[in-house]
Structure formats: C-alpha cells, structure tokens
N, C-alpha and C. Protein backbone atom coordinates (compact mmCIF):
# COMPACT_ATOMS: atom_id res chain seq x y z
N MET A 1 -9.50 14.50 19.53
CA MET A 1 -10.16 14.19 18.40
C MET A 1 -8.43 12.81 18.41
N ASN A 2 -7.40 13.53 18.58
CA ASN A 2 -6.35 12.91 17.52
C ASN A 2 -6.65 11.77 18.23
N THR A 3 -6.16 11.92 19.54
CA THR A 3 -5.66 10.34 20.72
C THR A 3 -7.55 9.70 20.03
N LEU A 4 -8.65 10.42 20.67
CA LEU A 4 -9.11 9.04 19.77
C LEU A 4 -9.14 9.03 18.54
N LEU A 5 -9.08 8.77 18.07
CA LEU A 5 -9.03 9.29 16.19
C LEU A 5 -7.84 7.20 16.11
N ALA A 6 -6.48 7.99 17.09
CA ALA A 6 -5.45 6.24 17.30
C ALA A 6 -5.56 5.86 17.50
N VAL A 7 -6.71 5.76 19.09
CA VAL A 7 -6.80 4.42 19.58
C VAL A 7 -7.91 3.74 18.91
N ILE A 8 -8.71 4.13 17.87
CA ILE A 8 -10.28 3.98 17.07
C ILE A 8 -8.97 3.11 16.04
N GLY A 9 -7.81 3.10 15.47
CA GLY A 9 -7.12 3.11 14.44
C GLY A 9 -6.20 1.88 15.15
N ILE A 10 -6.31 2.06 16.57
CA ILE A 10 -4.97 0.08 16.66
C ILE A 10 -5.58 -0.75 17.27
N ILE A 11 -7.07 0.40 17.16
CA ILE A 11 -8.36 -0.81 17.36
C ILE A 11 -8.64 -2.05 15.83
N GLY A 12 -8.57 -1.19 15.44
CA GLY A 12 -9.44 -1.15 14.22
C GLY A 12 -8.15 -2.71 13.84
N GLY A 13 -6.91 -2.80 14.27
CA GLY A 13 -6.26 -2.93 13.05
C GLY A 13 -6.28 -3.73 13.98
N LEU A 14 -6.30 -4.64 15.28
CA LEU A 14 -6.06 -5.85 15.81
C LEU A 14 -7.43 -6.26 14.90
N LEU A 15 -8.70 -5.61 15.22
CA LEU A 15 -9.42 -6.09 14.80
C LEU A 15 -9.86 -7.27 13.06
N CYS A 16 -8.88 -6.36 12.28
CA CYS A 16 -8.43 -6.86 11.62
C CYS A 16 -7.59 -8.07 11.23
N ALA A 17 -6.49 -8.04 12.74
CA ALA A 17 -5.55 -9.47 12.04
C ALA A 17 -6.05 -11.25 12.50
N THR A 18 -7.86 -10.22 13.25
CA THR A 18 -8.56 -11.17 14.05
C THR A 18 -8.80 -11.36 13.30
N ALA A 19 -9.18 -10.75 11.98
CA ALA A 19 -10.16 -11.44 10.51
C ALA A 19 -8.64 -11.51 10.16
N ASP A 20 -7.29 -11.89 10.18
CA ASP A 20 -6.83 -12.78 8.71
C ASP A 20 -6.36 -13.77 9.56
N LEU A 21 -6.36 -14.19 10.85
CA LEU A 21 -6.21 -15.02 11.79
C LEU A 21 -7.21 -16.19 10.88
N LEU A 22 -8.49 -15.90 10.45
CA LEU A 22 -9.96 -16.54 10.96
C LEU A 22 -8.73 -17.07 9.21
N LEU A 23 -9.74 -16.01 7.92
CA LEU A 23 -8.93 -16.38 6.58
C LEU A 23 -8.05 -17.40 6.66
N ASP A 24 -6.54 -17.01 7.27
CA ASP A 24 -4.97 -17.47 6.78
C ASP A 24 -5.15 -18.58 7.77
N LEU A 25 -5.15 -18.96 9.48
CA LEU A 25 -4.62 -20.08 10.11
C LEU A 25 -4.91 -20.96 9.50
N LYS A 26 -4.32 -22.05 8.98
CA LYS A 26 -5.03 -23.25 8.32
C LYS A 26 -3.81 -24.71 9.08
N GLY A 27 -2.68 -23.72 9.41
CA GLY A 27 -1.87 -24.73 9.93
C GLY A 27 -0.53 -25.78 9.00
N PRO A 28 -0.27 -26.94 9.71
CA PRO A 28 1.51 -26.50 9.24
C PRO A 28 1.02 -27.68 7.56
N GLN A 29 -0.39 -28.22 7.53
CA GLN A 29 -0.54 -29.53 6.97
C GLN A 29 -1.04 -28.68 5.62
N ASN A 30 -1.49 -27.06 5.26
CA ASN A 30 -1.82 -26.67 4.67
C ASN A 30 -0.37 -27.01 3.12
N LYS A 31 -1.42 -27.40 2.34
CA LYS A 31 -0.32 -27.01 0.92
C LYS A 31 -0.92 -26.15 -0.53
N LYS A 32 0.15 -25.59 -1.09
CA LYS A 32 -0.80 -25.32 -2.02
C LYS A 32 -0.66 -25.15 -3.32
N LEU A 33 -1.80 -25.12 -4.09
CA LEU A 33 -2.29 -25.69 -5.43
C LEU A 33 -2.18 -25.31 -6.21
N GLY A 34 -3.14 -25.97 -7.55
CA GLY A 34 -2.67 -25.46 -8.06
C GLY A 34 -1.77 -24.21 -9.22
N LYS A 35 -1.31 -23.65 -10.53
CA LYS A 35 -0.04 -23.22 -11.24
C LYS A 35 -0.05 -22.20 -11.41
N MET A 36 -0.37 -21.08 -9.54
CA MET A 36 0.08 -19.68 -9.49
C MET A 36 -0.45 -20.14 -7.99
N GLY A 37 -0.59 -21.04 -7.66
CA GLY A 37 -0.04 -21.19 -6.05
C GLY A 37 -1.33 -21.04 -4.93
N VAL A 38 -2.28 -20.55 -5.43
CA VAL A 38 -3.14 -19.39 -4.48
C VAL A 38 -5.31 -20.11 -4.12
N ILE A 39 -4.31 -21.43 -4.75
CA ILE A 39 -5.45 -22.12 -3.84
C ILE A 39 -4.81 -22.80 -2.27
N ASP A 40 -5.19 -23.23 -1.50
CA ASP A 40 -4.99 -24.19 -0.34
C ASP A 40 -5.69 -25.88 0.48
N SER A 41 -5.56 -26.43 0.18
CA SER A 41 -5.45 -27.61 0.53
C SER A 41 -6.91 -27.60 1.19
N GLU A 42 -6.53 -27.02 2.93
CA GLU A 42 -6.63 -26.57 4.05
C GLU A 42 -8.09 -26.54 3.86
N TRP A 43 -8.80 -25.68 2.90
CA TRP A 43 -9.64 -24.67 2.50
C TRP A 43 -11.31 -25.53 3.07
N LYS A 44 -11.15 -27.23 2.74
CA LYS A 44 -12.32 -28.11 2.84
C LYS A 44 -12.57 -28.75 3.27
N ASN A 45 -11.23 -28.35 4.36
CA ASN A 45 -11.39 -29.38 5.62
C ASN A 45 -12.22 -27.68 6.81
N MET A 46 -11.69 -25.76 6.38
CA MET A 46 -12.09 -25.02 7.60
C MET A 46 -13.70 -24.22 7.45
N ALA A 47 -13.90 -24.45 8.87
CA ALA A 47 -15.78 -23.63 9.19
C ALA A 47 -15.68 -22.80 7.78
N HIS A 48 -16.79 -23.11 7.57
CA HIS A 48 -17.04 -21.70 6.61
C HIS A 48 -17.69 -20.58 6.71
N TRP A 49 -17.95 -20.32 8.80
CA TRP A 49 -19.05 -19.64 9.05
C TRP A 49 -17.02 -18.86 9.49
N ARG A 50 -15.41 -19.30 9.06
CA ARG A 50 -14.63 -18.17 9.79
C ARG A 50 -14.37 -17.54 8.78
N PHE A 51 -14.85 -18.13 7.28
CA PHE A 51 -15.02 -17.36 6.24
C PHE A 51 -15.83 -15.83 6.41
N VAL A 52 -16.63 -16.27 6.71
CA VAL A 52 -18.51 -15.43 6.43
C VAL A 52 -18.06 -14.08 7.37
N TRP A 53 -16.79 -14.86 8.67
CA TRP A 53 -16.75 -13.56 9.64
C TRP A 53 -15.28 -12.40 9.94
N SER A 54 -14.54 -13.19 8.88
CA SER A 54 -13.52 -12.41 8.23
C SER A 54 -13.58 -11.67 7.77
N ASP A 55 -14.47 -11.61 6.71
CA ASP A 55 -15.65 -11.03 5.88
C ASP A 55 -16.01 -9.71 7.24
N ILE A 56 -16.66 -9.96 8.02
CA ILE A 56 -17.95 -9.13 8.75
C ILE A 56 -16.93 -7.83 8.99
N LEU A 57 -15.23 -9.07 10.11
CA LEU A 57 -14.78 -8.12 10.68
C LEU A 57 -14.29 -7.26 10.18
N ALA A 58 -13.89 -7.37 8.78
CA ALA A 58 -12.88 -6.21 8.24
C ALA A 58 -14.14 -5.66 7.27
N MET A 59 -15.23 -5.58 7.54
CA MET A 59 -16.30 -4.32 7.14
C MET A 59 -15.84 -3.02 7.92
N PHE A 60 -15.64 -3.93 9.73
CA PHE A 60 -15.41 -3.06 10.80
C PHE A 60 -13.97 -2.53 11.02
N ALA A 61 -12.63 -3.09 10.68
CA ALA A 61 -12.29 -2.56 10.70
C ALA A 61 -11.20 -2.09 9.85
N VAL A 62 -11.38 -2.07 8.36
CA VAL A 62 -10.90 -1.12 7.56
C VAL A 62 -10.97 0.42 7.49
N PRO A 63 -12.71 0.48 8.04
CA PRO A 63 -12.50 2.49 8.55
C PRO A 63 -12.06 2.22 9.68
N MET A 64 -11.91 1.60 10.82
CA MET A 64 -11.00 2.10 11.76
C MET A 64 -9.72 1.71 11.56
N TYR A 65 -9.14 1.00 11.07
CA TYR A 65 -7.40 1.41 11.40
C TYR A 65 -6.82 1.79 9.93
N SER A 66 -7.97 3.21 9.45
CA SER A 66 -8.29 4.25 8.77
C SER A 66 -7.85 5.54 8.92
N CYS A 67 -8.71 5.61 10.50
CA CYS A 67 -8.42 6.40 11.57
C CYS A 67 -6.73 7.17 11.93
N GLY A 68 -6.54 5.16 12.24
CA GLY A 68 -5.12 5.45 12.97
C GLY A 68 -3.73 6.27 11.84
N PHE A 69 -4.56 5.77 10.55
CA PHE A 69 -3.35 6.82 9.89
C PHE A 69 -4.33 8.43 9.24
N ILE A 70 -4.36 9.16 9.61
CA ILE A 70 -5.41 9.91 9.84
C ILE A 70 -4.92 10.78 10.85
N ALA A 71 -4.85 10.90 11.95
CA ALA A 71 -4.43 10.93 12.91
C ALA A 71 -2.59 10.82 12.67
N LEU A 72 -2.09 9.83 11.81
CA LEU A 72 -0.75 10.46 12.23
C LEU A 72 -1.03 11.35 11.03
N MET A 73 -1.51 11.62 10.00
CA MET A 73 -1.40 12.57 9.47
C MET A 73 -2.34 14.16 10.19
N MET A 74 -2.67 13.82 10.78
CA MET A 74 -2.81 15.01 11.55
C MET A 74 -2.01 16.08 12.57
N THR A 75 -1.47 15.21 13.20
CA THR A 75 0.17 15.51 13.52
C THR A 75 1.03 16.09 12.10
N LEU A 76 1.04 15.70 11.13
CA LEU A 76 1.85 16.15 10.34
C LEU A 76 1.42 17.24 9.08
N TYR A 77 -0.19 18.03 9.30
CA TYR A 77 -0.74 18.46 8.84
C TYR A 77 0.09 20.08 8.66
N GLU A 78 0.11 19.83 10.12
CA GLU A 78 0.42 21.72 10.56
C GLU A 78 1.66 22.18 9.65
N GLU A 79 2.23 21.38 9.95
CA GLU A 79 4.10 21.89 9.18
C GLU A 79 4.17 21.54 7.82
N HIS A 80 3.37 20.10 7.46
CA HIS A 80 3.37 19.91 5.64
C HIS A 80 1.53 19.54 5.29
N SER A 81 1.10 20.24 5.07
CA SER A 81 -0.24 20.23 4.64
C SER A 81 -0.47 19.43 3.41
N MET A 82 0.47 19.51 2.48
CA MET A 82 0.33 18.97 1.15
C MET A 82 0.94 17.50 0.94
N ILE A 83 1.97 17.33 2.30
CA ILE A 83 2.51 15.86 2.15
C ILE A 83 0.75 14.78 2.78
N ALA A 84 0.87 16.26 4.25
CA ALA A 84 0.30 14.72 4.71
C ALA A 84 -1.48 14.66 3.68
N THR A 85 -2.20 15.70 3.13
CA THR A 85 -3.08 15.64 2.64
C THR A 85 -2.93 14.28 1.01
N VAL A 86 -1.72 14.23 0.05
CA VAL A 86 -1.94 13.85 -0.84
C VAL A 86 -1.45 12.24 0.80
N LEU A 87 -0.72 12.26 1.01
CA LEU A 87 -0.50 10.71 1.52
C LEU A 87 -1.89 9.54 2.40
N SER A 88 -2.29 11.46 2.44
CA SER A 88 -4.30 11.12 2.91
C SER A 88 -5.52 9.60 2.13
N VAL A 89 -4.99 10.48 1.22
CA VAL A 89 -5.41 10.34 0.40
C VAL A 89 -4.91 8.98 -1.39
N ILE A 90 -4.04 9.02 -0.97
CA ILE A 90 -3.76 7.95 -1.25
C ILE A 90 -4.34 6.40 -0.11
N PHE A 91 -3.81 7.00 1.33
CA PHE A 91 -3.93 5.92 2.54
C PHE A 91 -5.76 5.30 2.12
N LEU A 92 -6.32 5.96 2.46
CA LEU A 92 -7.79 6.27 1.62
C LEU A 92 -7.63 5.46 0.15
N ILE A 93 -7.37 5.80 -0.54
CA ILE A 93 -7.57 4.59 -1.31
C ILE A 93 -7.41 3.79 -1.76
N GLY A 94 -6.89 2.95 -1.20
CA GLY A 94 -5.64 1.46 -1.02
C GLY A 94 -6.60 1.38 0.48
N ALA A 95 -7.51 1.69 1.32
CA ALA A 95 -8.24 1.63 2.91
C ALA A 95 -9.47 1.19 1.81
N MET A 96 -9.94 1.60 0.94
CA MET A 96 -10.98 1.55 -0.13
C MET A 96 -11.34 -0.68 -0.33
N GLY A 97 -10.20 -0.58 -1.36
CA GLY A 97 -9.55 -1.67 -1.95
C GLY A 97 -9.11 -2.75 -0.47
N GLY A 98 -8.28 -1.79 0.32
CA GLY A 98 -8.54 -3.74 1.56
C GLY A 98 -9.43 -4.24 1.50
N PHE A 99 -10.52 -3.47 2.32
CA PHE A 99 -11.98 -4.26 2.13
C PHE A 99 -12.19 -5.01 0.84
N MET A 100 -12.05 -4.19 -0.15
CA MET A 100 -12.84 -5.28 -1.84
C MET A 100 -11.90 -6.46 -1.65
N ILE A 101 -10.48 -6.60 -1.44
CA ILE A 101 -9.11 -7.10 -1.06
C ILE A 101 -9.98 -8.89 -0.17
N HIS A 102 -10.17 -8.21 0.59
CA HIS A 102 -9.89 -8.94 1.62
C HIS A 102 -11.18 -9.66 1.05
N THR A 103 -12.41 -9.22 1.42
CA THR A 103 -13.31 -9.69 0.51
C THR A 103 -13.42 -11.14 -0.18
N PHE A 104 -12.68 -10.48 -1.35
CA PHE A 104 -12.67 -11.31 -2.59
C PHE A 104 -11.11 -12.27 -2.00
N LEU A 105 -10.88 -12.26 -1.15
CA LEU A 105 -9.64 -14.02 -0.65
C LEU A 105 -10.85 -14.47 0.47
N CYS A 106 -12.33 -14.03 1.07
CA CYS A 106 -12.96 -14.82 1.88
C CYS A 106 -13.87 -15.03 0.99
N GLN A 107 -13.34 -15.33 -0.69
CA GLN A 107 -14.64 -15.99 -1.38
C GLN A 107 -14.33 -17.01 -2.00
N GLN A 108 -12.33 -16.45 -2.03
CA GLN A 108 -12.34 -18.17 -3.07
C GLN A 108 -12.60 -19.53 -2.05
N PRO A 109 -12.60 -19.60 -0.89
CA PRO A 109 -12.68 -20.91 -0.06
C PRO A 109 -13.89 -21.55 -0.12
N THR A 110 -15.42 -20.35 -0.88
CA THR A 110 -15.98 -20.78 -0.91
C THR A 110 -16.66 -21.23 -1.95
N ILE A 111 -16.09 -20.63 -3.10
CA ILE A 111 -16.08 -21.23 -4.85
C ILE A 111 -15.46 -22.79 -4.39
N TYR A 112 -13.86 -22.86 -3.93
CA TYR A 112 -13.22 -23.76 -3.86
C TYR A 112 -13.74 -25.09 -3.08
N ARG A 113 -14.70 -25.29 -2.09
CA ARG A 113 -15.37 -26.22 -1.44
C ARG A 113 -16.93 -26.30 -2.57
N LYS A 114 -17.35 -25.19 -3.15
CA LYS A 114 -18.85 -25.55 -3.72
C LYS A 114 -18.36 -26.47 -4.81
N ILE A 115 -17.14 -26.03 -5.40
CA ILE A 115 -16.75 -26.82 -6.56
C ILE A 115 -15.79 -28.10 -6.80
N ILE A 116 -15.27 -28.08 -5.74
CA ILE A 116 -14.98 -29.34 -4.73
C ILE A 116 -15.47 -30.47 -4.02
N ALA A 117 -16.67 -29.85 -3.57
CA ALA A 117 -17.95 -30.80 -4.06
C ALA A 117 -18.48 -32.14 -4.56
N GLU A 118 -17.59 -31.44 -6.54
CA GLU A 118 -18.84 -31.81 -7.64
C GLU A 118 -17.35 -32.87 -7.38
N THR A 119 -16.40 -33.10 -6.78
CA THR A 119 -15.33 -33.54 -7.33
C THR A 119 -14.44 -33.17 -8.87
N ASP A 120 -14.85 -32.17 -8.41
CA ASP A 120 -13.17 -31.61 -9.95
C ASP A 120 -13.06 -30.79 -9.55
N LEU A 121 -11.67 -31.31 -9.16
CA LEU A 121 -10.44 -30.22 -8.66
C LEU A 121 -10.45 -30.05 -9.63
N LYS A 122 -9.84 -30.37 -11.19
CA LYS A 122 -9.60 -28.52 -12.39
C LYS A 122 -9.86 -27.48 -12.62
N LEU A 123 -11.31 -28.09 -12.90
CA LEU A 123 -12.74 -26.30 -12.09
C LEU A 123 -12.37 -25.86 -11.95
N ALA A 124 -12.25 -26.15 -10.06
CA ALA A 124 -12.06 -25.65 -8.89
C ALA A 124 -11.09 -24.29 -9.44
N GLU A 125 -9.41 -25.44 -9.82
CA GLU A 125 -8.39 -24.43 -10.48
C GLU A 125 -8.90 -22.93 -11.57
N ASP A 126 -9.22 -23.83 -12.21
CA ASP A 126 -9.80 -22.95 -12.72
C ASP A 126 -10.54 -21.92 -12.91
N VAL A 127 -11.02 -22.15 -12.40
CA VAL A 127 -12.02 -20.88 -12.17
C VAL A 127 -11.19 -19.43 -10.85
N ILE A 128 -11.27 -20.14 -9.84
CA ILE A 128 -9.54 -19.07 -9.25
C ILE A 128 -8.95 -18.94 -9.79
N GLN A 129 -8.69 -19.31 -10.12
CA GLN A 129 -6.79 -19.01 -10.82
C GLN A 129 -7.31 -17.38 -12.54
N SER A 130 -8.51 -17.46 -12.43
CA SER A 130 -8.73 -16.95 -14.24
C SER A 130 -9.71 -15.94 -13.02
N VAL A 131 -10.04 -15.75 -11.40
CA VAL A 131 -11.26 -14.98 -10.51
C VAL A 131 -9.87 -14.22 -10.52
N PHE A 132 -8.26 -14.85 -9.83
CA PHE A 132 -7.91 -14.13 -9.54
C PHE A 132 -7.41 -13.51 -10.73
N ARG A 133 -6.49 -14.39 -12.24
CA ARG A 133 -6.36 -12.56 -12.77
C ARG A 133 -7.07 -11.52 -13.14
N GLN A 134 -8.63 -11.97 -13.52
CA GLN A 134 -9.00 -10.80 -13.34
C GLN A 134 -9.30 -9.91 -12.27
N ILE A 135 -8.41 -9.70 -11.35
CA ILE A 135 -8.40 -8.51 -10.58
C ILE A 135 -7.22 -8.25 -9.13
N TYR A 136 -6.26 -9.03 -10.62
CA TYR A 136 -4.85 -9.20 -10.05
C TYR A 136 -3.93 -7.41 -9.69
N VAL A 137 -4.67 -6.52 -11.09
CA VAL A 137 -4.09 -4.72 -11.35
C VAL A 137 -4.79 -4.83 -10.10
N PRO A 138 -6.11 -4.11 -10.20
CA PRO A 138 -6.04 -3.48 -8.35
C PRO A 138 -5.90 -3.82 -8.01
N PHE A 139 -5.41 -5.04 -7.22
CA PHE A 139 -4.93 -6.21 -5.70
C PHE A 139 -4.69 -5.73 -6.09
N PHE A 140 -3.05 -5.07 -5.89
CA PHE A 140 -1.65 -5.01 -6.12
C PHE A 140 -1.55 -3.63 -6.42
N THR A 141 -2.20 -2.59 -7.14
CA THR A 141 -2.21 -1.75 -6.90
C THR A 141 -2.62 -0.50 -5.83
N LEU A 142 -4.55 -1.52 -5.58
CA LEU A 142 -4.52 -0.43 -3.47
C LEU A 142 -3.49 -1.24 -2.53
N TYR A 143 -3.93 -3.30 -2.54
CA TYR A 143 -2.53 -3.25 -1.63
C TYR A 143 -1.19 -2.00 -1.67
N SER A 144 -0.73 -1.85 -2.62
CA SER A 144 0.03 -1.01 -3.20
C SER A 144 0.40 0.69 -2.11
N MET A 145 -0.80 0.71 -2.46
CA MET A 145 -1.45 2.39 -2.06
C MET A 145 -1.75 2.52 -0.23
N LEU A 146 -2.36 1.03 0.42
CA LEU A 146 -2.38 0.76 1.91
C LEU A 146 -1.15 0.68 2.38
N VAL A 147 -0.62 -0.56 1.95
CA VAL A 147 0.26 -0.84 2.56
C VAL A 147 2.03 -0.25 2.45
N ILE A 148 2.10 -0.79 0.80
CA ILE A 148 3.97 -0.99 0.87
C ILE A 148 4.10 1.50 0.24
N ILE A 149 3.36 1.82 -0.37
CA ILE A 149 3.66 3.87 -0.09
C ILE A 149 3.39 4.35 0.92
N PRO A 150 2.49 3.89 1.82
CA PRO A 150 2.77 4.56 3.24
C PRO A 150 3.42 4.38 4.08
N ALA A 151 2.93 3.54 4.16
CA ALA A 151 4.95 2.61 4.69
C ALA A 151 6.23 3.86 5.37
N ILE A 152 6.81 3.37 3.54
CA ILE A 152 7.03 4.46 2.97
C ILE A 152 7.83 5.53 2.97
N ALA A 153 6.22 6.52 2.74
CA ALA A 153 6.62 7.69 2.89
C ALA A 153 6.92 7.85 4.18
N VAL A 154 5.92 7.51 5.08
CA VAL A 154 5.94 7.41 7.18
C VAL A 154 7.68 6.46 7.56
N ILE A 155 8.47 6.55 6.93
CA ILE A 155 9.78 5.76 7.31
C ILE A 155 11.15 6.77 7.07
N VAL A 156 10.59 7.38 6.14
CA VAL A 156 11.06 8.75 5.32
C VAL A 156 11.02 10.41 6.19
N LEU A 157 9.66 10.34 5.89
CA LEU A 157 8.83 11.19 7.05
C LEU A 157 9.54 11.31 8.38
N ILE A 158 9.88 10.70 9.14
CA ILE A 158 10.22 10.10 10.02
C ILE A 158 12.09 10.73 10.89
N ILE A 159 12.81 9.92 9.26
CA ILE A 159 14.39 10.02 9.05
C ILE A 159 14.46 11.09 9.07
N MET A 160 13.81 12.55 8.17
CA MET A 160 13.79 13.50 7.62
C MET A 160 13.30 14.61 9.22
N ASP A 161 12.86 14.12 10.40
CA ASP A 161 12.17 14.15 11.70
C ASP A 161 10.76 15.39 11.10
N PHE A 162 10.52 15.30 9.76
CA PHE A 162 9.07 15.57 9.15
C PHE A 162 7.47 15.28 10.25
N ILE A 163 7.98 14.59 10.13
CA ILE A 163 7.18 13.35 11.83
C ILE A 163 7.68 13.74 13.11
N HIS A 164 7.19 14.20 14.11
CA HIS A 164 8.03 14.45 14.95
C HIS A 164 8.85 13.39 15.96
N ALA A 165 8.86 11.70 16.15
CA ALA A 165 9.44 10.63 16.50
C ALA A 165 10.81 10.71 16.67
N PRO A 166 10.58 9.57 17.90
CA PRO A 166 11.64 9.39 17.90
C PRO A 166 11.66 8.30 16.66
N ILE A 167 14.10 7.95 16.41
CA ILE A 167 13.69 7.34 14.83
C ILE A 167 13.39 6.32 15.01
N TRP A 168 13.34 5.44 17.02
CA TRP A 168 13.24 3.70 16.04
C TRP A 168 11.79 3.02 15.65
N CYS A 169 10.52 3.90 16.41
CA CYS A 169 9.74 4.16 15.41
C CYS A 169 9.75 3.69 13.69
N VAL A 170 10.70 3.96 13.43
CA VAL A 170 10.76 3.46 11.18
C VAL A 170 9.76 2.66 11.53
N LEU A 171 10.06 1.24 13.15
CA LEU A 171 9.28 0.68 13.28
C LEU A 171 7.65 0.14 12.98
N LEU A 172 7.03 1.05 13.18
CA LEU A 172 5.86 0.99 13.41
C LEU A 172 4.93 1.33 12.09
N ASN A 173 5.15 0.07 11.11
CA ASN A 173 4.58 0.39 9.72
C ASN A 173 4.46 -0.53 9.70
N PRO A 174 2.88 -1.02 8.81
CA PRO A 174 2.79 -3.13 7.92
C PRO A 174 3.95 -3.22 7.67
N VAL A 175 4.91 -2.38 6.63
CA VAL A 175 5.63 -3.53 5.17
C VAL A 175 7.43 -3.91 6.83
N VAL A 176 7.32 -2.89 7.79
CA VAL A 176 8.42 -3.60 9.06
C VAL A 176 7.76 -5.20 9.60
N PHE A 177 6.28 -4.37 9.92
CA PHE A 177 6.20 -5.69 10.37
C PHE A 177 5.85 -6.88 9.73
N GLN A 178 5.60 -6.92 8.21
CA GLN A 178 5.52 -7.93 7.11
C GLN A 178 6.33 -8.14 7.16
N LEU A 179 7.63 -7.88 6.66
CA LEU A 179 9.25 -8.33 6.46
C LEU A 179 8.96 -8.99 7.64
N VAL A 180 9.40 -8.78 8.84
CA VAL A 180 9.51 -9.74 10.47
C VAL A 180 7.71 -10.72 10.38
N GLY A 181 7.00 -10.56 10.09
CA GLY A 181 6.33 -12.30 9.34
C GLY A 181 6.57 -13.10 9.18
N PHE A 182 7.42 -12.36 7.69
CA PHE A 182 8.52 -13.37 6.22
C PHE A 182 9.32 -14.19 7.36
N LEU A 183 9.93 -13.15 8.61
CA LEU A 183 11.22 -13.91 8.77
C LEU A 183 10.54 -15.11 9.92
N PHE A 184 10.00 -15.33 10.88
CA PHE A 184 8.97 -16.06 11.23
C PHE A 184 8.60 -17.62 10.35
N ARG A 185 7.98 -16.72 9.50
CA ARG A 185 7.36 -17.65 8.88
C ARG A 185 9.32 -19.01 7.96
N ALA A 186 10.64 -18.29 7.30
CA ALA A 186 11.08 -18.34 7.18
C ALA A 186 12.17 -19.66 7.58
N THR A 187 11.56 -19.36 9.56
CA THR A 187 12.05 -20.08 10.13
C THR A 187 11.44 -21.82 10.31
N LYS A 188 10.78 -22.49 9.31
CA LYS A 188 9.95 -23.68 9.17
C LYS A 188 9.61 -24.12 10.63
N LEU A 189 9.90 -23.59 11.51
CA LEU A 189 8.86 -24.46 12.69
C LEU A 189 7.82 -23.87 12.41
N ASP A 190 6.82 -24.78 13.04
CA ASP A 190 4.35 -25.47 12.55
C ASP A 190 4.91 -24.82 13.08
N ILE A 191 4.86 -24.49 14.37
CA ILE A 191 4.94 -22.49 15.76
C ILE A 191 4.13 -21.43 13.89
N PHE A 192 4.72 -21.20 13.72
CA PHE A 192 5.22 -20.08 13.22
C PHE A 192 4.69 -20.22 11.45
N ILE A 193 3.88 -20.78 10.56
CA ILE A 193 3.92 -21.03 10.04
C ILE A 193 2.67 -20.35 8.88
N ASP A 194 1.65 -20.00 10.12
CA ASP A 194 0.80 -18.98 9.97
C ASP A 194 1.40 -17.62 10.38
N ALA A 195 1.12 -17.60 11.83
CA ALA A 195 0.54 -16.36 12.64
C ALA A 195 2.63 -16.41 12.93
N PRO A 196 2.77 -15.02 12.97
CA PRO A 196 2.06 -13.93 12.68
C PRO A 196 2.11 -13.96 11.90
N SER A 197 2.97 -14.34 10.71
CA SER A 197 3.02 -14.17 8.94
C SER A 197 1.41 -13.16 8.15
N CYS A 198 0.80 -14.18 8.50
CA CYS A 198 -0.29 -13.68 8.51
C CYS A 198 -1.77 -12.72 8.50
N CYS A 199 -1.34 -12.06 9.70
CA CYS A 199 -2.05 -10.84 9.85
C CYS A 199 -0.58 -10.49 10.56
N ALA A 200 0.69 -9.46 10.27
CA ALA A 200 1.44 -8.73 10.53
C ALA A 200 1.01 -7.83 9.60
N ALA A 201 1.28 -7.86 8.69
CA ALA A 201 0.12 -6.12 7.78
C ALA A 201 -0.84 -5.35 8.79
N SER A 202 -1.58 -6.70 8.99
CA SER A 202 -3.08 -5.70 9.83
C SER A 202 -2.61 -4.89 11.44
N LEU A 203 -0.96 -6.11 12.16
CA LEU A 203 -1.12 -5.07 12.83
C LEU A 203 0.12 -3.86 12.90
N GLY A 204 1.11 -3.98 11.85
CA GLY A 204 1.71 -2.58 11.38
C GLY A 204 0.40 -1.52 11.02
N LEU A 205 -0.80 -1.91 10.84
CA LEU A 205 -2.09 -1.30 9.65
C LEU A 205 -2.07 -0.28 12.28
N ALA A 206 -2.07 -0.93 12.98
CA ALA A 206 -2.98 -0.87 14.06
C ALA A 206 -1.90 -0.16 14.12
N ALA A 207 -0.30 -0.15 14.48
CA ALA A 207 0.41 0.32 14.81
C ALA A 207 0.67 2.53 14.06
N TYR A 208 -0.15 2.53 13.49
CA TYR A 208 0.45 4.53 12.69
C TYR A 208 -0.72 4.45 13.93
N GLY A 209 -1.48 3.92 15.16
CA GLY A 209 -2.08 4.41 16.09
C GLY A 209 -1.14 5.34 16.91
N ALA A 210 -0.68 3.51 17.37
CA ALA A 210 0.40 3.97 18.73
C ALA A 210 1.15 4.88 17.54
N LEU A 211 1.57 5.17 17.13
CA LEU A 211 2.77 6.33 16.17
C LEU A 211 2.24 7.73 16.71
N ALA A 212 0.70 7.35 16.01
CA ALA A 212 0.29 8.74 16.27
C ALA A 212 -0.07 9.23 17.53
N LEU A 213 0.00 8.31 18.79
CA LEU A 213 -0.13 9.07 20.08
C LEU A 213 1.22 9.60 20.05
N ILE A 214 2.06 8.59 19.93
CA ILE A 214 3.58 9.08 20.60
C ILE A 214 3.64 10.89 20.68
N CYS A 215 3.22 10.69 19.02
CA CYS A 215 3.66 12.19 18.53
C CYS A 215 2.78 12.99 18.98
N LEU A 216 1.57 12.70 19.33
CA LEU A 216 1.08 13.96 19.84
C LEU A 216 1.49 14.77 21.32
C-alpha cells in the first residue's frame, strides 16, 4: 500500500507542477504591476484555457500529492506515531488550502482580463489587490502548513534518524526545491525567469513520494 501511495504522490506532484506551469509560465517580457506587485502584464496575452486547465489539474493533483506525504508518515508511524499523526494533520489542512490558493490564483487573471477589456486599469488593480488582501491570512497560513512546516519537520526528522533515510534526503522537500528555483531565477537568464521556480515547490511535494519509496 505504501508503495502505491508513494507513486501516486510522485505523479500528483508532477501533475501539480504542470498546473503551475500553465498558470505561471509567462516569459521574460512579463512585468509586475500594481502597488502590491500581484498583477502580471502578460495575463492579457495568455490563453484563457490555460487558467481553466491549471485549476482542473490542481483539483486532481492536490489529493494525489498528499498521498506521497501520507506514505512517508506511515513509514514513521510505527516508531513515532504521535509525530506522524500531528504532521499528517498539519499537511492535510495545508493541502485543503492548497487547492483554494491555486483556484484563487487562477481566477485573478480572468478578473483582470474582464476588467481591463473595459480599459479600466485602475479598477482592475483595485479589485485584484482588494481580493488578495481579503485572503492574505488564510493564504499564507495554509501555505505554511502545506509547504514550510512539514518540510522543516522532515529535515529535522531525517537528521535525528527518526525517518530512516540517507542524510542527502534532506534535499527532498518543497522548501529546498523552491530555494533552488529562486537561485535559478536569480541568474536573471531569460530561460530561468519562470521555470523551474514557478513549479519548484510542486516538484518538492512529488519528492515526498520518492522519499517514502527510499524509506520502504
């Protein structure tokens, strides 16, 4: 069962990375707009189907990549059941928010495009930024529960040998993958302006499944 869950987790992470690319692959010509920098200039040029399919893929990807983390926690459960249970609950609450976050990000371009079609840039900025402020707290709280807290916990558990995996496996988590993505983006090269940074966290979520397979 663990093997199956781990493989599903890997597939789910890769599926989520694909959803991220559909949403965030904009090219070097993209500019951040608005006071908060949450509007992308290339939204008006991107095909609408990309946002639709990005959300559809995320609908399947979120429960699937959760299987990978659960498989990893099942390898921990026999020796440290309380830690495995607490981390599973934190991750699953974060995953619930993961789909909400992705859906919100997919709706922003559509809202912007509809309003900008009426040539009212200021109204478009006001609406997008107001909506973003409205979900600011759940957005970052649930993101932390999905990506940051479990990743740090897994790193510590590997170092303490609670999770029995080679020490290099501390690299197999979304925080490390995202940091690597940011380093690629920091090169300022056009080829790295979007990918792998925009899908790095999802690839890191897929890595939980790979880590679970290593621990079997």
